[in-house]
Amino acid sequence: MSTAHVVVTVLTILANAGVAAADLVKADFVLANAAAVDVPPSWVPVLGALKAAGAAGLLLGLLGAHVVGVAAAIGLVVFFAGAIVAHARAGVWHNVAVPGAFLALAATSLALA
């Protein structure tokens, strides 16, 4: 396991854990972003749980469960690709860089795995 893999994956874990926490407490900015892309507020905690599961899976991958880490990275790549699609469908471009950054972190974690 390379240093780059560990650093990028730890950053991916921290970013996803942080935004998952914001989702789970239904932070105002999260609800505003969800509304902008037509995501019902009832979905926000579920999406937060998925991000938290991805972060936990990446952590397990770093701790030795390589297959779990790879699966988590794939899941996060698919999740954030879907988020970008949701932004595109809603025509919301002012903050599409945020899911783009999360996608880039997850994809890089996957590539380095």
C-alpha atoms as a PDB file:
ATOM      1  CA  MET A   1       0.000   0.000   0.000  1.00  0.00           C
ATOM      2  CA  SER A   2       1.544   3.273  -1.118  1.00  0.00           C
ATOM      3  CA  THR A   3       1.748   6.503   0.820  1.00  0.00           C
ATOM      4  CA  ALA A   4      -0.315   8.214  -1.875  1.00  0.00           C
ATOM      5  CA  HIS A   5      -3.055   5.606  -1.492  1.00  0.00           C
ATOM      6  CA  VAL A   6      -3.170   6.070   2.275  1.00  0.00           C
ATOM      7  CA  VAL A   7      -3.189   9.881   2.080  1.00  0.00           C
ATOM      8  CA  VAL A   8      -5.866  10.111  -0.608  1.00  0.00           C
ATOM      9  CA  THR A   9      -8.021   7.456   1.031  1.00  0.00           C
ATOM     10  CA  VAL A  10      -7.796   9.114   4.447  1.00  0.00           C
ATOM     11  CA  LEU A  11      -8.833  12.419   2.835  1.00  0.00           C
ATOM     12  CA  THR A  12     -11.724  10.630   1.132  1.00  0.00           C
ATOM     13  CA  ILE A  13     -12.769   9.048   4.426  1.00  0.00           C
ATOM     14  CA  LEU A  14     -12.658  12.369   6.282  1.00  0.00           C
ATOM     15  CA  ALA A  15     -14.540  14.251   3.568  1.00  0.00           C
ATOM     16  CA  ASN A  16     -17.286  11.641   3.325  1.00  0.00           C
ATOM     17  CA  ALA A  17     -17.598  11.215   7.088  1.00  0.00           C
ATOM     18  CA  GLY A  18     -17.923  14.982   7.477  1.00  0.00           C
ATOM     19  CA  VAL A  19     -20.590  15.399   4.827  1.00  0.00           C
ATOM     20  CA  ALA A  20     -22.387  12.270   6.062  1.00  0.00           C
ATOM     21  CA  ALA A  21     -22.615  13.850   9.512  1.00  0.00           C
ATOM     22  CA  ALA A  22     -24.024  17.027   7.950  1.00  0.00           C
ATOM     23  CA  ASP A  23     -26.564  14.914   6.050  1.00  0.00           C
ATOM     24  CA  LEU A  24     -27.591  12.984   9.138  1.00  0.00           C
ATOM     25  CA  VAL A  25     -28.240  16.159  11.153  1.00  0.00           C
ATOM     26  CA  LYS A  26     -29.966  17.720   8.126  1.00  0.00           C
ATOM     27  CA  ALA A  27     -27.753  20.807   8.072  1.00  0.00           C
ATOM     28  CA  ASP A  28     -29.312  23.821   6.363  1.00  0.00           C
ATOM     29  CA  PHE A  29     -26.800  23.849   3.499  1.00  0.00           C
ATOM     30  CA  VAL A  30     -27.453  20.160   2.844  1.00  0.00           C
ATOM     31  CA  LEU A  31     -31.215  20.663   2.683  1.00  0.00           C
ATOM     32  CA  ALA A  32     -30.771  23.685   0.400  1.00  0.00           C
ATOM     33  CA  ASN A  33     -28.532  21.739  -1.975  1.00  0.00           C
ATOM     34  CA  ALA A  34     -30.900  18.772  -1.960  1.00  0.00           C
ATOM     35  CA  ALA A  35     -33.869  21.011  -2.745  1.00  0.00           C
ATOM     36  CA  ALA A  36     -31.960  22.662  -5.584  1.00  0.00           C
ATOM     37  CA  VAL A  37     -31.486  19.314  -7.329  1.00  0.00           C
ATOM     38  CA  ASP A  38     -34.994  18.029  -6.511  1.00  0.00           C
ATOM     39  CA  VAL A  39     -33.945  15.513  -3.869  1.00  0.00           C
ATOM     40  CA  PRO A  40     -36.698  15.082  -1.252  1.00  0.00           C
ATOM     41  CA  PRO A  41     -35.630  15.963   2.318  1.00  0.00           C
ATOM     42  CA  SER A  42     -36.594  12.450   3.428  1.00  0.00           C
ATOM     43  CA  TRP A  43     -33.764  11.058   1.279  1.00  0.00           C
ATOM     44  CA  VAL A  44     -31.054  13.156   2.928  1.00  0.00           C
ATOM     45  CA  PRO A  45     -30.430  10.854   5.925  1.00  0.00           C
ATOM     46  CA  VAL A  46     -30.392   7.809   3.631  1.00  0.00           C
ATOM     47  CA  LEU A  47     -27.824   9.480   1.386  1.00  0.00           C
ATOM     48  CA  GLY A  48     -25.826  10.398   4.485  1.00  0.00           C
ATOM     49  CA  ALA A  49     -25.894   6.787   5.619  1.00  0.00           C
ATOM     50  CA  LEU A  50     -24.592   5.682   2.215  1.00  0.00           C
ATOM     51  CA  LYS A  51     -21.715   8.181   2.443  1.00  0.00           C
ATOM     52  CA  ALA A  52     -20.952   7.014   5.991  1.00  0.00           C
ATOM     53  CA  ALA A  53     -20.969   3.399   4.819  1.00  0.00           C
ATOM     54  CA  GLY A  54     -18.555   4.332   2.030  1.00  0.00           C
ATOM     55  CA  ALA A  55     -16.232   6.033   4.497  1.00  0.00           C
ATOM     56  CA  ALA A  56     -16.382   3.040   6.850  1.00  0.00           C
ATOM     57  CA  GLY A  57     -15.692   0.658   3.977  1.00  0.00           C
ATOM     58  CA  LEU A  58     -12.667   2.675   2.903  1.00  0.00           C
ATOM     59  CA  LEU A  59     -11.378   2.590   6.469  1.00  0.00           C
ATOM     60  CA  LEU A  60     -11.819  -1.174   6.600  1.00  0.00           C
ATOM     61  CA  GLY A  61      -9.909  -1.359   3.334  1.00  0.00           C
ATOM     62  CA  LEU A  62      -7.000   0.513   4.852  1.00  0.00           C
ATOM     63  CA  LEU A  63      -7.092  -1.786   7.860  1.00  0.00           C
ATOM     64  CA  GLY A  64      -6.667  -4.904   5.724  1.00  0.00           C
ATOM     65  CA  ALA A  65     -10.038  -5.755   4.167  1.00  0.00           C
ATOM     66  CA  HIS A  66      -8.859  -4.774   0.687  1.00  0.00           C
ATOM     67  CA  VAL A  67     -11.927  -6.088  -1.133  1.00  0.00           C
ATOM     68  CA  VAL A  68     -14.224  -4.083   1.151  1.00  0.00           C
ATOM     69  CA  GLY A  69     -12.192  -0.938   0.484  1.00  0.00           C
ATOM     70  CA  VAL A  70     -12.386  -1.435  -3.273  1.00  0.00           C
ATOM     71  CA  ALA A  71     -16.138  -2.075  -3.078  1.00  0.00           C
ATOM     72  CA  ALA A  72     -16.595   1.072  -0.976  1.00  0.00           C
ATOM     73  CA  ALA A  73     -14.595   3.144  -3.439  1.00  0.00           C
ATOM     74  CA  ILE A  74     -16.686   1.801  -6.332  1.00  0.00           C
ATOM     75  CA  GLY A  75     -19.853   2.608  -4.412  1.00  0.00           C
ATOM     76  CA  LEU A  76     -18.713   6.170  -3.756  1.00  0.00           C
ATOM     77  CA  VAL A  77     -17.726   6.658  -7.397  1.00  0.00           C
ATOM     78  CA  VAL A  78     -21.190   5.539  -8.498  1.00  0.00           C
ATOM     79  CA  PHE A  79     -22.845   7.652  -5.794  1.00  0.00           C
ATOM     80  CA  PHE A  80     -21.077  10.869  -6.756  1.00  0.00           C
ATOM     81  CA  ALA A  81     -21.456  10.221 -10.477  1.00  0.00           C
ATOM     82  CA  GLY A  82     -25.165  10.043  -9.714  1.00  0.00           C
ATOM     83  CA  ALA A  83     -24.939  13.313  -7.801  1.00  0.00           C
ATOM     84  CA  ILE A  84     -23.403  14.989 -10.838  1.00  0.00           C
ATOM     85  CA  VAL A  85     -26.179  13.567 -13.010  1.00  0.00           C
ATOM     86  CA  ALA A  86     -28.746  14.966 -10.556  1.00  0.00           C
ATOM     87  CA  HIS A  87     -27.101  18.392 -10.794  1.00  0.00           C
ATOM     88  CA  ALA A  88     -27.097  18.218 -14.595  1.00  0.00           C
ATOM     89  CA  ARG A  89     -30.740  17.126 -14.801  1.00  0.00           C
ATOM     90  CA  ALA A  90     -31.752  19.988 -12.504  1.00  0.00           C
ATOM     91  CA  GLY A  91     -29.522  22.463 -14.359  1.00  0.00           C
ATOM     92  CA  VAL A  92     -27.727  23.368 -11.122  1.00  0.00           C
ATOM     93  CA  TRP A  93     -24.152  24.234 -12.028  1.00  0.00           C
ATOM     94  CA  HIS A  94     -23.127  26.723  -9.348  1.00  0.00           C
ATOM     95  CA  ASN A  95     -22.075  24.003  -6.918  1.00  0.00           C
ATOM     96  CA  VAL A  96     -21.431  20.979  -9.131  1.00  0.00           C
ATOM     97  CA  ALA A  97     -17.737  21.220  -8.234  1.00  0.00           C
ATOM     98  CA  VAL A  98     -18.526  19.851  -4.773  1.00  0.00           C
ATOM     99  CA  PRO A  99     -19.765  16.430  -5.905  1.00  0.00           C
ATOM    100  CA  GLY A 100     -17.069  16.614  -8.583  1.00  0.00           C
ATOM    101  CA  ALA A 101     -14.406  16.906  -5.890  1.00  0.00           C
ATOM    102  CA  PHE A 102     -15.909  14.012  -3.939  1.00  0.00           C
ATOM    103  CA  LEU A 103     -16.015  11.966  -7.139  1.00  0.00           C
ATOM    104  CA  ALA A 104     -12.376  12.780  -7.840  1.00  0.00           C
ATOM    105  CA  LEU A 105     -11.353  11.698  -4.321  1.00  0.00           C
ATOM    106  CA  ALA A 106     -13.291   8.431  -4.565  1.00  0.00           C
ATOM    107  CA  ALA A 107     -12.001   7.677  -8.063  1.00  0.00           C
ATOM    108  CA  THR A 108      -8.432   8.371  -7.020  1.00  0.00           C
ATOM    109  CA  SER A 109      -8.831   6.153  -3.955  1.00  0.00           C
ATOM    110  CA  LEU A 110     -10.120   3.416  -6.240  1.00  0.00           C
ATOM    111  CA  ALA A 111      -7.343   3.882  -8.784  1.00  0.00           C
ATOM    112  CA  LEU A 112      -4.668   3.708  -6.095  1.00  0.00           C
ATOM    113  CA  ALA A 113      -6.222   0.671  -4.379  1.00  0.00           C
END
